[in-house]
Protein backbone atom coordinates (compact mmCIF):
# COMPACT_ATOMS: atom_id res chain seq x y z
CA MET A 1 1.90 266.14 82.55
CA SER A 2 1.57 264.39 85.90
CA LEU A 3 -1.71 262.82 84.76
CA PHE A 4 0.01 261.37 81.70
CA LEU A 5 2.79 259.79 83.83
CA LYS A 6 0.25 258.21 86.14
CA CYS A 7 -1.58 256.61 83.19
CA SER A 8 1.70 255.24 81.80
CA GLU A 9 2.64 253.66 85.14
CA MET A 10 -0.75 251.94 85.41
CA SER A 11 -0.41 250.54 81.87
CA ALA A 12 3.06 249.13 82.65
CA ARG A 13 1.77 247.41 85.80
CA ARG A 14 -1.03 245.73 83.83
CA VAL A 15 1.41 244.47 81.18
CA ASN A 16 3.77 243.08 83.87
CA ALA A 17 0.87 241.36 85.58
CA ILE A 18 -0.25 239.82 82.32
CA ILE A 19 3.34 238.59 81.61
CA VAL A 20 3.63 237.09 85.09
CA LEU A 21 0.26 235.40 84.62
CA LEU A 22 1.30 233.93 81.28
CA ILE A 23 4.59 232.64 82.73
CA GLY A 24 2.67 230.97 85.54
CA ILE A 25 0.27 229.31 83.12
CA VAL A 26 3.18 227.97 80.99
CA PHE A 27 4.89 226.67 84.13
CA LEU A 28 1.76 224.84 85.23
CA ILE A 29 1.34 223.26 81.78
CA VAL A 30 4.95 221.96 81.80
CA VAL A 31 4.58 220.53 85.30
CA HIS A 32 1.33 218.83 84.33
CA ARG A 33 2.86 217.18 81.30
CA ASN A 34 5.84 215.90 83.30
CA LEU A 35 3.52 214.40 85.88
CA LEU A 36 1.61 212.60 83.17
CA ASN A 37 4.82 211.17 81.70
CA LEU A 38 5.99 210.03 85.11
CA ASN A 39 2.69 208.28 85.70
CA ASP A 40 2.93 206.50 82.35
CA PHE A 41 6.47 205.35 83.19
CA ALA A 42 5.31 204.00 86.54
CA ARG A 43 2.69 201.89 84.76
CA THR A 44 5.23 200.47 82.28
CA ASP A 45 5.58 196.65 82.47
CA VAL A 46 8.94 195.89 84.08
CA SER A 47 9.35 192.76 81.99
CA ASP A 48 9.13 194.85 78.81
CA THR A 49 11.93 197.09 80.04
CA VAL A 50 14.12 194.10 80.92
CA HIS A 51 13.37 192.49 77.57
CA ASP A 52 14.58 195.62 75.79
CA VAL A 53 17.74 195.88 77.86
CA LEU A 54 18.95 192.26 78.14
CA PRO A 55 19.84 191.79 74.48
CA HIS A 56 22.39 194.55 74.85
CA LEU A 57 24.05 193.08 77.93
CA LYS A 58 27.31 191.21 77.40
CA LEU A 59 27.19 188.32 79.83
CA PRO A 60 30.50 186.80 80.91
CA GLN A 61 31.43 183.79 78.78
CA LYS A 62 33.07 180.60 80.04
CA ALA A 63 36.79 180.74 79.35
CA ALA A 64 37.67 178.83 76.20
CA ARG A 65 40.26 176.07 76.51
CA SER A 66 43.44 176.96 74.72
CA GLY A 67 46.76 175.37 74.00
CA ASP A 68 47.77 172.44 71.84
CA GLU A 69 45.11 169.86 71.16
CA VAL A 70 45.12 166.69 73.25
CA PRO A 71 43.59 164.00 71.01
CA VAL A 72 41.82 161.16 72.83
CA LEU A 73 40.76 158.17 70.75
CA ILE A 74 37.86 156.16 72.17
CA THR A 75 35.16 153.86 70.80
CA ALA A 76 31.38 154.03 71.06
CA VAL A 77 29.46 150.75 71.15
CA GLU A 78 25.67 151.09 71.07
CA ASP A 79 24.90 148.82 74.03
CA ARG A 80 27.50 150.51 76.25
CA LEU A 81 27.24 154.18 75.30
CA GLY A 82 26.84 154.99 78.98
CA ALA A 83 30.44 153.90 79.45
CA LEU A 84 31.66 156.31 76.79
CA VAL A 85 29.65 159.17 78.30
CA ALA A 86 31.02 158.64 81.82
CA ALA A 87 34.60 158.31 80.56
CA MET A 88 34.43 161.48 78.47
CA ASN A 89 32.76 163.43 81.26
CA SER A 90 35.46 162.44 83.76
CA VAL A 91 38.27 163.38 81.36
CA TYR A 92 36.76 166.75 80.49
CA HIS A 93 35.97 167.93 84.01
CA ASN A 94 39.28 166.90 85.54
CA SER A 95 41.40 168.89 83.12
CA GLN A 96 41.65 172.34 81.57
CA ALA A 97 43.52 170.91 78.58
CA ASN A 98 42.23 171.43 75.05
CA VAL A 99 40.88 167.87 74.82
CA VAL A 100 39.27 166.68 71.60
CA PHE A 101 37.63 163.24 71.56
CA TYR A 102 37.87 161.19 68.39
CA ILE A 103 34.99 158.77 68.74
CA VAL A 104 35.16 155.68 66.56
CA THR A 105 31.75 154.13 66.04
CA THR A 106 29.41 152.49 63.55
CA ASN A 107 26.68 154.26 61.60
CA ASP A 108 23.81 152.78 63.61
CA THR A 109 25.12 154.45 66.78
CA VAL A 110 25.81 157.97 65.48
CA ASP A 111 22.34 159.48 65.92
CA HIS A 112 21.94 158.15 69.46
CA LEU A 113 25.39 159.42 70.39
CA LYS A 114 24.81 162.91 68.97
CA THR A 115 21.50 163.24 70.80
CA TRP A 116 23.04 162.16 74.10
CA ILE A 117 25.82 164.72 73.78
CA SER A 118 23.78 167.64 72.42
CA GLN A 119 20.91 167.40 74.92
CA THR A 120 22.99 167.09 78.09
CA SER A 121 25.82 168.85 79.88
CA LEU A 122 28.20 167.06 77.52
CA ASN A 123 27.44 169.62 74.82
CA GLU A 124 30.51 171.65 75.85
CA ILE A 125 32.84 168.80 74.92
CA LYS A 126 34.76 168.90 71.64
CA TYR A 127 34.48 165.72 69.61
CA ARG A 128 34.74 164.26 66.14
CA ILE A 129 32.94 161.14 65.01
CA ILE A 130 34.94 158.63 62.97
CA PRO A 131 32.94 155.94 61.14
CA PHE A 132 34.35 152.44 61.47
CA GLU A 133 34.03 150.10 58.51
CA PRO A 134 34.17 146.45 59.69
CA HIS A 135 35.17 145.28 56.21
CA ILE A 136 38.76 146.36 56.95
CA LEU A 137 38.97 143.33 59.24
CA HIS A 138 38.11 140.87 56.47
CA GLY A 139 40.55 137.97 56.58
CA LYS A 140 42.10 139.27 59.79
CA ILE A 141 39.71 137.80 62.35
CA SER A 142 38.24 134.32 62.62
CA SER A 143 35.04 133.50 60.76
CA ASP A 144 34.38 130.59 63.14
CA PRO A 145 30.75 131.05 64.28
CA ASN A 146 31.73 129.84 67.75
CA LYS A 147 34.15 132.76 68.10
CA VAL A 148 32.17 135.54 66.46
CA GLU A 149 30.44 136.53 69.71
CA ALA A 150 33.79 137.13 71.39
CA VAL A 151 35.08 139.34 68.57
CA LYS A 152 33.81 142.93 68.68
CA PRO A 153 35.04 144.79 65.58
CA LEU A 154 35.45 148.09 67.42
CA THR A 155 37.99 146.54 69.80
CA PHE A 156 40.44 146.70 66.88
CA ALA A 157 39.96 150.46 66.37
CA ARG A 158 43.11 151.13 68.42
CA PHE A 159 45.17 149.34 65.74
CA TYR A 160 44.26 152.11 63.31
CA ALA A 161 45.06 155.10 65.55
CA ALA A 162 47.45 156.67 63.03
CA THR A 163 44.89 156.24 60.24
CA PHE A 164 42.05 157.81 62.19
CA LEU A 165 44.21 160.76 63.26
CA PRO A 166 46.29 161.41 60.12
CA HIS A 167 47.53 164.83 61.19
CA ALA A 168 48.24 164.14 64.87
CA GLU A 169 51.76 163.49 66.12
CA LYS A 170 50.66 162.03 69.45
CA ALA A 171 47.43 160.72 70.96
CA ILE A 172 45.91 158.86 73.88
CA TYR A 173 43.80 155.73 73.47
CA LEU A 174 41.23 154.87 76.17
CA ASP A 175 38.90 151.92 76.57
CA ASP A 176 35.37 153.05 77.35
CA ASP A 177 35.19 151.32 80.77
CA VAL A 178 37.50 153.81 82.47
CA ILE A 179 37.13 156.82 84.74
CA VAL A 180 39.84 159.47 84.69
CA GLN A 181 40.49 161.27 87.99
CA GLY A 182 43.71 163.07 87.06
CA ASP A 183 44.56 165.76 84.53
CA ILE A 184 44.74 164.00 81.14
CA GLN A 185 47.45 166.47 80.10
CA GLU A 186 49.80 164.68 82.49
CA LEU A 187 49.20 161.36 80.74
CA PHE A 188 49.58 163.00 77.33
CA ASP A 189 52.96 164.42 78.39
CA THR A 190 54.32 160.92 79.08
CA ASN A 191 57.86 160.74 77.72
CA LEU A 192 58.34 158.03 75.09
CA ARG A 193 61.84 156.77 74.43
CA ALA A 194 63.38 157.25 71.00
CA GLY A 195 62.08 154.68 68.52
CA HIS A 196 59.06 153.74 70.66
CA ALA A 197 55.65 154.13 69.06
CA ALA A 198 53.64 153.62 72.26
CA ALA A 199 53.72 153.61 76.06
CA PHE A 200 51.73 151.09 78.12
CA SER A 201 51.42 150.17 81.78
CA ASP A 202 53.30 146.92 82.39
CA ASP A 203 51.35 144.31 84.33
CA CYS A 204 54.15 143.11 86.59
CA ASP A 205 55.19 146.60 87.66
CA SER A 206 51.72 147.99 88.11
CA ALA A 207 49.99 148.51 91.42
CA SER A 208 47.17 146.61 89.74
CA SER A 209 49.16 143.37 89.83
CA LYS A 210 49.18 143.24 93.62
CA GLY A 211 46.85 140.64 95.03
CA ILE A 212 45.97 139.07 91.67
CA VAL A 213 45.06 135.43 92.12
CA ARG A 214 46.41 133.30 89.35
CA GLY A 215 43.78 131.05 87.81
CA ALA A 216 41.03 133.61 88.36
CA GLY A 217 41.06 134.74 84.76
CA THR A 218 43.80 137.36 84.94
CA GLN A 219 47.27 136.95 83.48
CA ILE A 220 50.37 139.11 83.73
CA ASN A 221 52.84 137.54 81.29
CA TYR A 222 53.15 136.60 77.64
CA ILE A 223 52.38 132.91 78.06
CA GLY A 224 48.87 133.84 79.12
CA PHE A 225 48.20 135.36 75.69
CA LEU A 226 50.32 133.46 73.19
CA ASP A 227 50.72 129.74 72.47
CA PHE A 228 54.44 129.07 72.90
CA LYS A 229 53.98 125.54 71.60
CA LYS A 230 53.59 126.95 68.10
CA ASP A 231 56.77 127.17 66.00
CA THR A 232 55.84 130.63 64.75
CA ILE A 233 55.79 132.00 68.30
CA ARG A 234 58.91 130.13 69.45
CA LYS A 235 60.92 131.45 66.50
CA LEU A 236 60.26 135.02 67.62
CA GLY A 237 62.62 134.45 70.54
CA MET A 238 60.30 136.03 73.11
CA ARG A 239 60.51 134.93 76.74
CA ALA A 240 57.25 133.37 77.89
CA ASN A 241 57.50 134.94 81.35
CA THR A 242 57.94 138.48 80.01
CA CYS A 243 55.52 140.89 81.66
CA SER A 244 52.52 141.64 79.49
CA PHE A 245 50.79 144.99 79.29
CA ASN A 246 47.17 146.03 79.10
CA PRO A 247 46.36 147.97 75.88
CA GLY A 248 43.18 149.48 77.31
CA VAL A 249 45.10 152.69 77.95
CA PHE A 250 48.16 153.85 76.03
CA VAL A 251 49.94 156.91 74.70
CA ALA A 252 50.97 156.71 71.06
CA ASN A 253 53.71 158.50 69.16
CA LEU A 254 51.79 158.49 65.88
CA THR A 255 54.72 159.79 63.87
CA GLU A 256 56.78 156.76 64.92
CA TRP A 257 53.71 154.55 64.47
CA ARG A 258 53.55 155.53 60.81
CA LEU A 259 57.30 155.21 60.23
CA GLN A 260 57.29 151.67 61.61
CA ASN A 261 53.98 150.78 59.92
CA ILE A 262 52.63 149.47 63.22
CA THR A 263 49.15 149.04 61.74
CA GLY A 264 50.53 146.87 58.94
CA GLN A 265 52.48 144.75 61.42
CA LEU A 266 49.40 144.22 63.59
CA GLU A 267 47.29 143.25 60.58
CA MET A 268 49.93 140.74 59.53
CA TRP A 269 49.83 139.00 62.90
CA MET A 270 46.04 139.02 62.86
CA LYS A 271 46.15 137.15 59.54
CA ARG A 272 48.77 134.72 60.84
CA ASN A 273 46.54 133.92 63.80
CA VAL A 274 43.57 133.17 61.52
CA GLU A 275 45.79 130.73 59.63
CA GLU A 276 47.75 129.20 62.54
CA ASP A 277 45.74 129.84 65.73
CA LEU A 278 48.61 131.46 67.62
CA TYR A 279 46.78 132.82 70.65
CA SER A 280 46.73 131.13 74.04
CA ARG A 281 43.59 129.30 75.13
CA THR A 282 44.46 129.26 78.82
CA LEU A 283 43.73 132.21 81.09
CA ALA A 284 43.62 135.24 78.85
CA ASP A 285 40.52 135.53 76.70
CA SER A 286 41.70 138.26 74.34
CA VAL A 287 41.97 138.74 70.59
CA THR A 288 43.35 142.28 70.61
CA THR A 289 46.21 142.00 73.12
CA PRO A 290 48.29 139.18 71.52
CA PRO A 291 49.27 140.98 68.28
CA LEU A 292 50.16 144.09 70.28
CA LEU A 293 52.36 142.04 72.60
CA ILE A 294 54.25 140.65 69.61
CA VAL A 295 54.72 143.95 67.79
CA PHE A 296 55.70 145.89 70.91
CA TYR A 297 57.87 143.19 72.54
CA LYS A 298 60.56 145.13 74.42
CA ARG A 299 59.87 148.09 72.17
CA HIS A 300 57.52 150.22 74.21
CA SER A 301 57.79 152.83 76.95
CA SER A 302 55.93 152.78 80.26
CA ILE A 303 53.27 155.02 81.70
CA ASP A 304 52.89 155.78 85.39
CA PRO A 305 51.11 152.78 87.01
CA MET A 306 48.71 155.16 88.75
CA TRP A 307 47.52 156.18 85.30
CA HIS A 308 46.15 152.70 84.73
CA VAL A 309 44.81 151.05 87.87
CA ARG A 310 42.85 148.11 86.55
CA HIS A 311 41.01 144.85 87.20
CA LEU A 312 38.18 146.69 88.95
CA GLY A 313 35.85 144.45 86.95
CA SER A 314 37.44 141.23 88.16
CA THR A 315 36.34 138.94 90.96
CA GLY A 316 37.68 140.09 94.32
CA ALA A 317 38.32 143.67 93.26
CA ALA A 318 36.57 144.97 96.37
CA ASN A 319 39.14 143.21 98.54
CA ARG A 320 42.14 144.28 96.46
CA TYR A 321 41.97 148.05 96.74
CA SER A 322 41.39 150.45 99.59
CA SER A 323 39.22 153.52 99.12
CA GLN A 324 42.27 155.71 99.82
CA PHE A 325 44.25 154.03 97.04
CA LEU A 326 41.45 154.39 94.52
CA LYS A 327 41.01 158.04 95.45
CA ALA A 328 44.70 158.65 94.69
CA ALA A 329 44.59 156.78 91.37
CA LYS A 330 44.68 158.92 88.21
CA LEU A 331 42.75 156.44 86.06
CA LEU A 332 40.54 153.49 86.98
CA HIS A 333 39.78 150.64 84.58
CA TRP A 334 36.95 148.14 85.05
CA ASN A 335 38.45 145.51 82.75
CA GLY A 336 37.08 142.09 83.52
CA HIS A 337 33.64 140.53 83.37
CA TYR A 338 31.90 143.01 85.66
CA LYS A 339 31.26 146.57 84.52
CA PRO A 340 30.37 149.63 86.62
CA TRP A 341 27.08 150.17 84.77
CA GLY A 342 26.17 146.63 85.78
CA ARG A 343 26.99 144.75 88.96
CA ALA A 344 30.58 145.56 89.86
CA SER A 345 32.67 146.99 92.68
CA PHE A 346 33.17 150.71 93.25
CA THR A 347 30.16 151.68 91.12
CA ASP A 348 29.74 154.85 93.20
CA ILE A 349 32.88 156.27 91.56
CA TRP A 350 31.47 155.60 88.10
CA ASP A 351 28.03 156.97 89.02
CA LYS A 352 29.57 160.34 89.82
CA TRP A 353 30.44 160.86 86.16
CA TYR A 354 27.55 159.15 84.43
CA VAL A 355 25.13 161.43 82.57
CA PRO A 356 21.63 159.89 82.07
CA ASP A 357 20.54 159.10 78.54
CA PRO A 358 17.95 161.69 77.40
CA THR A 359 16.43 159.11 75.02
CA GLY A 360 15.92 156.60 77.83
CA LYS A 361 17.49 153.76 75.83
CA PHE A 362 20.42 153.14 78.16
CA HIS A 363 20.01 152.26 81.83
CA PRO A 364 22.64 151.09 84.30
CA VAL A 365 21.47 147.57 85.04
CA ARG A 366 21.44 147.85 88.81
CA ARG A 367 19.42 151.07 88.72
CA HIS A 368 16.97 149.58 86.28
CA VAL A 369 16.41 146.67 88.64
CA GLU A 370 15.99 148.93 91.68
CA ASP A 371 13.47 151.17 89.91
CA LYS A 372 11.10 148.29 89.21
């Protein structure tokens, strides 16, 4: 009996040893496989891992501009597209308003304009292109070949603001030779008096009128734009020394514009001028300002003078304004013969907002000369 027990104990020890051995072998196999997997992972190309992960990351997006739309009407002329670009860029980056540019232009400029916007930092800007058909001016501007060069069809786009923006109640019009340094929302919020279809900056009251030298090509009253020797003008009963205004920047109440048929009134005076030659031939060389002065005589509101500091393109501009004053100005206008993309004063301000043309067609004149 004791011999049998001894044999049983020996058999149990062998079985236990075999079990322990098998467990050890399994353990070693598992460890080996894990080491192999770890080694493979270490050799994995990091770029492949990043490539697999990045598509699933949600990168922070730039905050979208919200609020009511602020429509800005502006024109695009092929040989001065750089002006449009700089103006739009300055408006956009100095405001968080929901600005939408309504760009009036001709068909031969559209492709160049779209390329410039889409291939540069301007691609964030909201805009709509409005084709301008010059035939709408037939019979409303002179056909005299000696005057054709002075008449640029797109300068009359502002007359059709309510037509181009049929659903807007209010809008801002800007000439292309401006730089905006303030928040355009402030200009848009300009209060227009009841019955007024537009607000302009009056020449006599503006900071821009200080230091103007009469006879140098700048005028600040009605007699500089209209011929008061003509019966048609005299019968209107307007005072010749009434302060004029510059229509390069204005805020329009388009609802009132439509009610008063402002466009129709302007077209009527354009036709009358073709027939009777009503515009002044003295200091002011303008074909767009005179009909506006007639239609809006004592029937317009005023915008803050600092929202239209002008004559930066006139002779002597460098002596008229201090750098501190220009820094405080909300909007700068290079009206006059000299433009900031050419040879004018304070071009450094304009350069800050200019975005180079990716097609290489447009060059600021002074830069083009310096690069040669």
